[in-house]
Amino acid sequence: MAWVTVPGSNGIWEYDNAANTSLSDVYPDANGTVTGGVREFTPTGGNAQYTYIRCRKAGETIVRGELNKNYYDNLIP
């Protein structure tokens, strides 16, 4: 497991790049597939949605939940 800085978050957020749906603090029943700590889901007729599934603030140990990867990817210049 490695905590990696979320691109576009100005170093505020990190995600677990080894997270998977077997962990107790993620949503195992959420639609999509998980690879490298990111869940991908495309609703019928919609656009792909990407979610970091296990996140924390940099320098903390408390897991805060999920972050929308699509949002942070759009913040990268």
N, C-alpha and C. Protein backbone atom coordinates (compact mmCIF):
# COMPACT_ATOMS: atom_id res chain seq x y z
N MET A 1 0.85 -1.18 0.00
CA MET A 1 0.00 0.00 0.00
C MET A 1 0.89 1.23 0.00
N ALA A 2 0.48 2.20 -0.79
CA ALA A 2 1.19 3.47 -0.81
C ALA A 2 0.19 4.61 -0.88
N TRP A 3 0.40 5.60 -0.08
CA TRP A 3 -0.43 6.80 -0.15
C TRP A 3 0.21 7.75 -1.16
N VAL A 4 -0.57 8.14 -2.15
CA VAL A 4 -0.10 8.95 -3.25
C VAL A 4 -0.88 10.26 -3.26
N THR A 5 -0.18 11.36 -3.53
CA THR A 5 -0.85 12.66 -3.60
C THR A 5 -1.83 12.68 -4.77
N VAL A 6 -3.03 13.17 -4.51
CA VAL A 6 -4.04 13.31 -5.55
C VAL A 6 -3.64 14.48 -6.45
N PRO A 7 -3.39 14.22 -7.74
CA PRO A 7 -3.06 15.32 -8.65
C PRO A 7 -4.18 16.36 -8.68
N GLY A 8 -3.83 17.61 -8.69
CA GLY A 8 -4.82 18.67 -8.73
C GLY A 8 -5.30 19.13 -7.37
N SER A 9 -4.84 18.47 -6.29
CA SER A 9 -5.32 18.82 -4.95
C SER A 9 -4.37 19.74 -4.21
N ASN A 10 -3.34 20.24 -4.88
CA ASN A 10 -2.34 21.11 -4.24
C ASN A 10 -1.70 20.47 -3.01
N GLY A 11 -1.56 19.14 -3.05
CA GLY A 11 -0.92 18.43 -1.96
C GLY A 11 -1.78 18.24 -0.73
N ILE A 12 -3.06 18.57 -0.81
CA ILE A 12 -3.96 18.45 0.35
C ILE A 12 -4.43 17.02 0.56
N TRP A 13 -4.70 16.29 -0.52
CA TRP A 13 -5.29 14.96 -0.43
C TRP A 13 -4.33 13.89 -0.92
N GLU A 14 -4.48 12.68 -0.32
CA GLU A 14 -3.76 11.49 -0.75
C GLU A 14 -4.77 10.37 -0.91
N TYR A 15 -4.42 9.40 -1.78
CA TYR A 15 -5.27 8.21 -1.91
C TYR A 15 -4.41 6.96 -1.83
N ASP A 16 -5.02 5.87 -1.42
CA ASP A 16 -4.35 4.59 -1.29
C ASP A 16 -4.39 3.90 -2.65
N ASN A 17 -3.25 3.79 -3.30
CA ASN A 17 -3.23 3.24 -4.65
C ASN A 17 -3.34 1.71 -4.68
N ALA A 18 -3.44 1.09 -3.51
CA ALA A 18 -3.62 -0.36 -3.44
C ALA A 18 -5.00 -0.72 -2.89
N ALA A 19 -5.84 0.27 -2.67
CA ALA A 19 -7.17 0.01 -2.10
C ALA A 19 -8.00 -0.86 -3.04
N ASN A 20 -8.80 -1.72 -2.44
CA ASN A 20 -9.72 -2.55 -3.20
C ASN A 20 -11.01 -2.70 -2.41
N THR A 21 -11.97 -3.39 -2.97
CA THR A 21 -13.29 -3.46 -2.34
C THR A 21 -13.35 -4.39 -1.14
N SER A 22 -12.28 -5.08 -0.80
CA SER A 22 -12.30 -5.96 0.37
C SER A 22 -12.03 -5.20 1.67
N LEU A 23 -11.65 -3.93 1.58
CA LEU A 23 -11.36 -3.14 2.78
C LEU A 23 -12.66 -2.71 3.45
N SER A 24 -12.64 -2.59 4.76
CA SER A 24 -13.86 -2.28 5.50
C SER A 24 -14.31 -0.83 5.36
N ASP A 25 -13.41 0.08 4.95
CA ASP A 25 -13.79 1.49 4.89
C ASP A 25 -14.04 1.98 3.46
N VAL A 26 -14.38 1.06 2.55
CA VAL A 26 -14.78 1.44 1.19
C VAL A 26 -16.17 0.87 0.94
N TYR A 27 -16.76 1.27 -0.18
CA TYR A 27 -18.11 0.81 -0.52
C TYR A 27 -18.02 -0.39 -1.46
N PRO A 28 -18.09 -1.62 -0.93
CA PRO A 28 -17.89 -2.80 -1.76
C PRO A 28 -19.01 -3.05 -2.77
N ASP A 29 -20.19 -2.50 -2.53
CA ASP A 29 -21.33 -2.73 -3.42
C ASP A 29 -21.49 -1.67 -4.49
N ALA A 30 -20.59 -0.70 -4.55
CA ALA A 30 -20.68 0.36 -5.55
C ALA A 30 -20.45 -0.22 -6.94
N ASN A 31 -21.14 0.33 -7.92
CA ASN A 31 -20.99 -0.12 -9.30
C ASN A 31 -19.60 0.19 -9.82
N GLY A 32 -19.11 -0.64 -10.73
CA GLY A 32 -17.85 -0.39 -11.39
C GLY A 32 -16.77 -1.38 -10.99
N THR A 33 -15.59 -1.15 -11.53
CA THR A 33 -14.44 -1.98 -11.24
C THR A 33 -13.35 -1.13 -10.61
N VAL A 34 -12.55 -1.76 -9.75
CA VAL A 34 -11.50 -1.03 -9.03
C VAL A 34 -10.13 -1.51 -9.49
N THR A 35 -9.28 -0.55 -9.85
CA THR A 35 -7.89 -0.81 -10.22
C THR A 35 -7.03 0.30 -9.66
N GLY A 36 -6.00 -0.07 -8.92
CA GLY A 36 -5.07 0.93 -8.41
C GLY A 36 -5.70 1.96 -7.49
N GLY A 37 -6.72 1.55 -6.74
CA GLY A 37 -7.37 2.47 -5.80
C GLY A 37 -8.39 3.40 -6.43
N VAL A 38 -8.70 3.17 -7.71
CA VAL A 38 -9.66 4.02 -8.43
C VAL A 38 -10.79 3.14 -8.97
N ARG A 39 -12.03 3.54 -8.66
CA ARG A 39 -13.20 2.85 -9.20
C ARG A 39 -13.64 3.54 -10.48
N GLU A 40 -13.89 2.73 -11.51
CA GLU A 40 -14.38 3.25 -12.78
C GLU A 40 -15.78 2.71 -13.02
N PHE A 41 -16.70 3.59 -13.38
CA PHE A 41 -18.06 3.19 -13.68
C PHE A 41 -18.61 4.09 -14.77
N THR A 42 -19.23 3.48 -15.76
CA THR A 42 -19.87 4.25 -16.83
C THR A 42 -21.35 3.89 -16.85
N PRO A 43 -22.22 4.82 -16.45
CA PRO A 43 -23.65 4.54 -16.50
C PRO A 43 -24.12 4.44 -17.95
N THR A 44 -25.20 3.74 -18.17
CA THR A 44 -25.74 3.59 -19.51
C THR A 44 -25.96 4.95 -20.15
N GLY A 45 -25.35 5.15 -21.31
CA GLY A 45 -25.51 6.41 -22.02
C GLY A 45 -24.79 7.59 -21.40
N GLY A 46 -23.92 7.33 -20.44
CA GLY A 46 -23.24 8.43 -19.74
C GLY A 46 -21.74 8.42 -19.95
N ASN A 47 -21.08 9.29 -19.24
CA ASN A 47 -19.63 9.40 -19.29
C ASN A 47 -19.00 8.59 -18.16
N ALA A 48 -17.77 8.17 -18.37
CA ALA A 48 -17.05 7.40 -17.36
C ALA A 48 -16.86 8.25 -16.10
N GLN A 49 -17.10 7.63 -14.97
CA GLN A 49 -16.91 8.27 -13.67
C GLN A 49 -15.76 7.55 -12.96
N TYR A 50 -14.80 8.34 -12.47
CA TYR A 50 -13.65 7.78 -11.77
C TYR A 50 -13.63 8.33 -10.35
N THR A 51 -13.39 7.43 -9.37
CA THR A 51 -13.43 7.80 -7.97
C THR A 51 -12.25 7.20 -7.22
N TYR A 52 -11.50 8.05 -6.50
CA TYR A 52 -10.49 7.54 -5.57
C TYR A 52 -11.27 6.96 -4.40
N ILE A 53 -11.09 5.67 -4.10
CA ILE A 53 -12.00 5.03 -3.15
C ILE A 53 -11.56 5.08 -1.69
N ARG A 54 -10.32 5.47 -1.41
CA ARG A 54 -9.85 5.52 -0.01
C ARG A 54 -8.89 6.69 0.12
N CYS A 55 -9.36 7.77 0.74
CA CYS A 55 -8.59 9.02 0.75
C CYS A 55 -8.39 9.55 2.17
N ARG A 56 -7.36 10.35 2.30
CA ARG A 56 -7.08 11.04 3.57
C ARG A 56 -6.40 12.36 3.24
N LYS A 57 -6.37 13.25 4.23
CA LYS A 57 -5.62 14.49 4.07
C LYS A 57 -4.14 14.17 4.30
N ALA A 58 -3.28 14.84 3.56
CA ALA A 58 -1.83 14.62 3.69
C ALA A 58 -1.40 14.88 5.13
N GLY A 59 -0.58 13.98 5.65
CA GLY A 59 -0.07 14.13 7.01
C GLY A 59 -0.99 13.59 8.09
N GLU A 60 -2.16 13.08 7.71
CA GLU A 60 -3.10 12.50 8.67
C GLU A 60 -3.19 11.00 8.48
N THR A 61 -3.78 10.32 9.45
CA THR A 61 -3.98 8.88 9.34
C THR A 61 -5.45 8.50 9.23
N ILE A 62 -6.34 9.46 9.39
CA ILE A 62 -7.78 9.19 9.34
C ILE A 62 -8.22 9.10 7.88
N VAL A 63 -8.85 7.97 7.53
CA VAL A 63 -9.38 7.81 6.18
C VAL A 63 -10.70 8.57 6.11
N ARG A 64 -10.81 9.48 5.13
CA ARG A 64 -11.96 10.37 5.03
C ARG A 64 -13.05 9.89 4.09
N GLY A 65 -12.73 8.93 3.22
CA GLY A 65 -13.75 8.45 2.28
C GLY A 65 -13.27 8.57 0.85
N GLU A 66 -14.17 9.00 -0.04
CA GLU A 66 -13.90 9.01 -1.47
C GLU A 66 -13.74 10.42 -2.01
N LEU A 67 -13.04 10.52 -3.15
CA LEU A 67 -12.92 11.78 -3.88
C LEU A 67 -13.20 11.51 -5.35
N ASN A 68 -13.84 12.46 -6.00
CA ASN A 68 -14.16 12.34 -7.41
C ASN A 68 -12.91 12.65 -8.24
N LYS A 69 -12.36 11.64 -8.89
CA LYS A 69 -11.14 11.80 -9.69
C LYS A 69 -11.39 12.71 -10.89
N ASN A 70 -12.56 12.62 -11.50
CA ASN A 70 -12.87 13.47 -12.64
C ASN A 70 -12.71 14.95 -12.27
N TYR A 71 -13.18 15.33 -11.10
CA TYR A 71 -13.10 16.71 -10.64
C TYR A 71 -11.64 17.16 -10.51
N TYR A 72 -10.84 16.37 -9.81
CA TYR A 72 -9.44 16.75 -9.59
C TYR A 72 -8.63 16.72 -10.88
N ASP A 73 -8.94 15.80 -11.80
CA ASP A 73 -8.25 15.76 -13.08
C ASP A 73 -8.50 17.05 -13.87
N ASN A 74 -9.66 17.65 -13.72
CA ASN A 74 -9.97 18.90 -14.44
C ASN A 74 -9.27 20.10 -13.83
N LEU A 75 -8.72 19.98 -12.62
CA LEU A 75 -8.00 21.09 -11.98
C LEU A 75 -6.53 21.13 -12.38
N ILE A 76 -6.05 20.07 -13.01
CA ILE A 76 -4.64 20.02 -13.40
C ILE A 76 -4.43 20.90 -14.62
N PRO A 77 -3.51 21.87 -14.53
CA PRO A 77 -3.29 22.77 -15.68
C PRO A 77 -2.63 22.07 -16.85
